[in-house]
Amino acid sequence: MLRVGLSGNVGAGKSTVVSLFAGWGATVIDTDVLAHQVVEPGSQAVELIREIFGDGVISEDGGLDRAAMRRLVFSDQGARQQLEAILHPAIRARFRELLVEAEARGDRIVIGVVPLLYETSMEEEFDVVLLVDAPLELRIGRLVSKRGLSADDARAVAAAQVPAEEKRARADLIIDNDSDIPTLERRAWETWKEIEKLSRAR
């Protein structure tokens, strides 16, 4: 089984590439989805969060009140680091469980979608790292037009991530999303053929 870590800074177009790969037969494990699962009511992570931050960040159903938590960590770097110290190990543990299940099923190619792959040192979980990238101004424009962020907020989000240049230097494969959708689809298909070749070589 080939484990491909797919990453990219916000607004790069990861979700479009992931949906294409899924359509071509990849198994997809998305850490953003896992981040929601590990804070469901009754989870160990939620109980730890409650112990540290109190009931004010717990929703009525017993899960994490994400809006309240976001307000808290946005203005307090120490609180954000405490939260990450709970969430990141929980997400990684769940991710590894799903990898084991995929291998047991005989899945050939697993795409692990990890937006903060380098920030959380998760590249070691993968055989190959693929970066989806686009120029900074294009990414900011997408955040403004598609997600409704202000330009200042979009720049703040982008600035909080490891710069794309550094990620490009560390990635094994790169898909540039600096043109239109047909071009992105063609580049994704070419990269998928390369991933399949790597999978067969294992």
Protein backbone atom coordinates (compact mmCIF):
# COMPACT_ATOMS: atom_id res chain seq x y z
CA MET A 1 0.00 0.00 0.00
CA LEU A 2 1.32 3.43 -0.97
CA ARG A 3 0.69 6.20 1.56
CA VAL A 4 0.55 9.64 -0.06
CA GLY A 5 0.45 12.74 2.11
CA LEU A 6 -1.39 15.54 0.33
CA SER A 7 -0.91 19.05 1.62
CA GLY A 8 -1.01 22.66 0.52
CA ASN A 9 -1.57 26.08 1.99
CA VAL A 10 -5.06 27.46 2.40
CA GLY A 11 -6.73 28.33 -0.92
CA ALA A 12 -4.38 26.16 -2.99
CA GLY A 13 -7.13 23.84 -4.28
CA LYS A 14 -6.51 20.65 -2.29
CA SER A 15 -10.17 19.64 -2.13
CA THR A 16 -10.53 19.67 -5.93
CA VAL A 17 -7.48 17.44 -6.37
CA VAL A 18 -8.61 15.09 -3.59
CA SER A 19 -12.05 14.64 -5.16
CA LEU A 20 -10.40 13.75 -8.48
CA PHE A 21 -8.11 11.19 -6.83
CA ALA A 22 -11.06 9.65 -4.98
CA GLY A 23 -12.88 9.30 -8.30
CA TRP A 24 -9.87 7.52 -9.76
CA GLY A 25 -9.80 4.93 -6.99
CA ALA A 26 -7.82 6.35 -4.07
CA THR A 27 -8.81 5.81 -0.46
CA VAL A 28 -8.99 9.25 1.18
CA ILE A 29 -8.37 9.96 4.88
CA ASP A 30 -8.95 13.63 5.63
CA THR A 31 -7.50 14.95 8.89
CA ASP A 32 -9.98 17.86 8.86
CA VAL A 33 -12.76 15.27 9.12
CA LEU A 34 -10.84 13.45 11.87
CA ALA A 35 -10.43 16.74 13.75
CA HIS A 36 -14.22 16.87 14.05
CA GLN A 37 -14.54 13.19 14.97
CA VAL A 38 -12.04 13.30 17.85
CA VAL A 39 -14.03 16.03 19.65
CA GLU A 40 -17.42 14.34 19.46
CA PRO A 41 -19.43 13.97 22.71
CA GLY A 42 -17.85 11.48 25.11
CA SER A 43 -14.46 11.45 23.40
CA GLN A 44 -11.28 11.45 25.47
CA ALA A 45 -10.12 14.66 23.77
CA VAL A 46 -13.30 16.52 24.76
CA GLU A 47 -12.93 15.46 28.38
CA LEU A 48 -9.32 16.71 28.42
CA ILE A 49 -10.43 19.99 26.84
CA ARG A 50 -13.15 20.36 29.47
CA GLU A 51 -10.61 19.78 32.27
CA ILE A 52 -8.26 22.45 30.94
CA PHE A 53 -10.60 25.09 29.48
CA GLY A 54 -13.84 24.54 31.42
CA ASP A 55 -17.47 24.03 30.41
CA GLY A 56 -17.56 27.29 28.44
CA VAL A 57 -16.07 25.59 25.38
CA ILE A 58 -18.36 22.54 25.53
CA SER A 59 -21.60 22.58 23.51
CA GLU A 60 -25.01 21.52 24.82
CA ASP A 61 -24.67 18.04 23.28
CA GLY A 62 -21.35 17.48 25.09
CA GLY A 63 -19.07 17.98 22.10
CA LEU A 64 -16.63 20.82 21.45
CA ASP A 65 -18.15 24.26 20.91
CA ARG A 66 -15.85 25.13 18.03
CA ALA A 67 -16.86 28.80 17.84
CA ALA A 68 -16.19 29.36 21.55
CA MET A 69 -12.88 27.48 21.31
CA ARG A 70 -11.87 29.48 18.24
CA ARG A 71 -12.50 32.79 20.03
CA LEU A 72 -10.40 31.62 22.96
CA VAL A 73 -7.37 30.36 21.06
CA PHE A 74 -7.44 33.19 18.51
CA SER A 75 -6.35 35.67 21.15
CA ASP A 76 -4.21 33.34 23.31
CA GLN A 77 -1.26 31.53 21.77
CA GLY A 78 -0.69 29.51 24.95
CA ALA A 79 -4.28 28.25 24.85
CA ARG A 80 -3.86 27.33 21.17
CA GLN A 81 -0.73 25.32 21.95
CA GLN A 82 -2.55 23.51 24.79
CA LEU A 83 -5.43 22.67 22.45
CA GLU A 84 -3.07 21.42 19.74
CA ALA A 85 -1.25 19.25 22.29
CA ILE A 86 -4.58 17.46 22.84
CA LEU A 87 -5.91 17.38 19.28
CA HIS A 88 -2.84 16.50 17.21
CA PRO A 89 -2.00 13.20 19.01
CA ALA A 90 -5.70 12.19 18.92
CA ILE A 91 -5.93 12.92 15.20
CA ARG A 92 -2.70 11.04 14.48
CA ALA A 93 -3.85 8.00 16.48
CA ARG A 94 -7.16 7.87 14.59
CA PHE A 95 -5.33 8.36 11.30
CA ARG A 96 -3.09 5.37 12.03
CA GLU A 97 -6.14 3.22 12.90
CA LEU A 98 -7.68 4.04 9.51
CA LEU A 99 -4.38 3.25 7.74
CA VAL A 100 -4.34 -0.19 9.36
CA GLU A 101 -7.94 -0.77 8.25
CA ALA A 102 -7.11 0.31 4.68
CA GLU A 103 -4.14 -2.05 4.54
CA ALA A 104 -6.25 -4.91 5.89
CA ARG A 105 -8.80 -4.29 3.10
CA GLY A 106 -6.01 -4.43 0.53
CA ASP A 107 -6.36 -0.79 -0.58
CA ARG A 108 -3.58 0.13 -3.02
CA ILE A 109 -3.29 3.90 -2.61
CA VAL A 110 -4.23 5.96 0.44
CA ILE A 111 -4.29 9.74 0.17
CA GLY A 112 -3.88 11.34 3.59
CA VAL A 113 -5.13 14.93 3.40
CA VAL A 114 -3.13 16.91 5.96
CA PRO A 115 -3.29 20.71 5.50
CA LEU A 116 -0.80 21.19 8.37
CA LEU A 117 1.43 18.27 7.35
CA TYR A 118 4.73 20.08 7.93
CA GLU A 119 3.48 22.15 10.84
CA THR A 120 2.54 18.94 12.72
CA SER A 121 5.57 16.88 11.53
CA MET A 122 3.31 14.27 9.91
CA GLU A 123 5.39 13.79 6.77
CA GLU A 124 7.01 10.76 8.45
CA GLU A 125 3.65 8.94 8.18
CA PHE A 126 3.88 8.85 4.37
CA ASP A 127 5.88 7.24 1.57
CA VAL A 128 5.37 10.25 -0.72
CA VAL A 129 4.38 13.86 -0.07
CA LEU A 130 2.35 15.75 -2.68
CA LEU A 131 1.93 19.51 -2.49
CA VAL A 132 -0.90 21.40 -4.20
CA ASP A 133 0.23 24.98 -4.60
CA ALA A 134 -0.81 28.31 -6.09
CA PRO A 135 0.67 31.82 -5.96
CA LEU A 136 -0.06 33.71 -2.74
CA GLU A 137 -2.19 36.46 -4.32
CA LEU A 138 -4.29 33.87 -6.14
CA ARG A 139 -4.85 31.94 -2.90
CA ILE A 140 -5.85 35.11 -1.05
CA GLY A 141 -8.25 36.00 -3.85
CA ARG A 142 -9.91 32.58 -3.55
CA LEU A 143 -10.32 32.99 0.22
CA VAL A 144 -11.98 36.35 -0.31
CA SER A 145 -14.27 35.29 -3.17
CA LYS A 146 -15.14 31.72 -2.12
CA ARG A 147 -15.00 31.84 1.68
CA GLY A 148 -16.03 35.42 2.28
CA LEU A 149 -12.94 36.44 4.25
CA SER A 150 -11.67 40.00 4.19
CA ALA A 151 -8.33 40.49 2.46
CA ASP A 152 -6.67 41.22 5.82
CA ASP A 153 -8.10 38.04 7.41
CA ALA A 154 -7.07 35.99 4.38
CA ARG A 155 -3.50 37.31 4.64
CA ALA A 156 -3.43 36.56 8.38
CA VAL A 157 -4.53 32.97 7.74
CA ALA A 158 -1.92 32.55 5.01
CA ALA A 159 0.84 34.09 7.17
CA ALA A 160 0.19 31.58 9.98
CA GLN A 161 1.26 28.66 7.77
CA VAL A 162 4.72 27.48 6.74
CA PRO A 163 5.58 29.41 3.53
CA ALA A 164 4.79 27.58 0.30
CA GLU A 165 8.41 27.96 -0.89
CA GLU A 166 9.64 25.88 2.03
CA LYS A 167 6.97 23.23 1.44
CA ARG A 168 7.85 23.04 -2.27
CA ALA A 169 11.47 22.32 -1.36
CA ARG A 170 10.39 19.43 0.88
CA ALA A 171 7.65 17.85 -1.28
CA ASP A 172 8.20 14.85 -3.56
CA LEU A 173 5.48 15.81 -6.05
CA ILE A 174 3.90 19.21 -6.82
CA ILE A 175 0.69 20.16 -8.60
CA ASP A 176 0.53 23.86 -9.51
CA ASN A 177 -3.02 25.24 -9.45
CA ASP A 178 -2.31 28.58 -11.10
CA SER A 179 -4.62 28.31 -14.10
CA ASP A 180 -8.15 27.02 -14.83
CA ILE A 181 -9.96 23.85 -13.71
CA PRO A 182 -9.29 21.85 -16.93
CA THR A 183 -5.57 22.56 -16.52
CA LEU A 184 -5.70 21.46 -12.88
CA GLU A 185 -7.52 18.26 -13.84
CA ARG A 186 -4.90 17.46 -16.50
CA ARG A 187 -2.03 18.06 -14.06
CA ALA A 188 -3.78 15.99 -11.38
CA TRP A 189 -4.24 13.12 -13.86
CA GLU A 190 -0.56 13.21 -14.81
CA THR A 191 0.38 13.12 -11.12
CA TRP A 192 -2.08 10.29 -10.48
CA LYS A 193 -0.39 8.20 -13.20
CA GLU A 194 2.93 8.83 -11.42
CA ILE A 195 1.41 7.79 -8.07
CA GLU A 196 0.05 4.60 -9.64
CA LYS A 197 3.51 3.84 -11.02
CA LEU A 198 5.02 4.27 -7.53
CA SER A 199 2.30 2.04 -6.12
CA ARG A 200 3.06 -0.76 -8.58
CA ALA A 201 6.77 -0.51 -7.81
CA ARG A 202 6.25 -1.29 -4.10
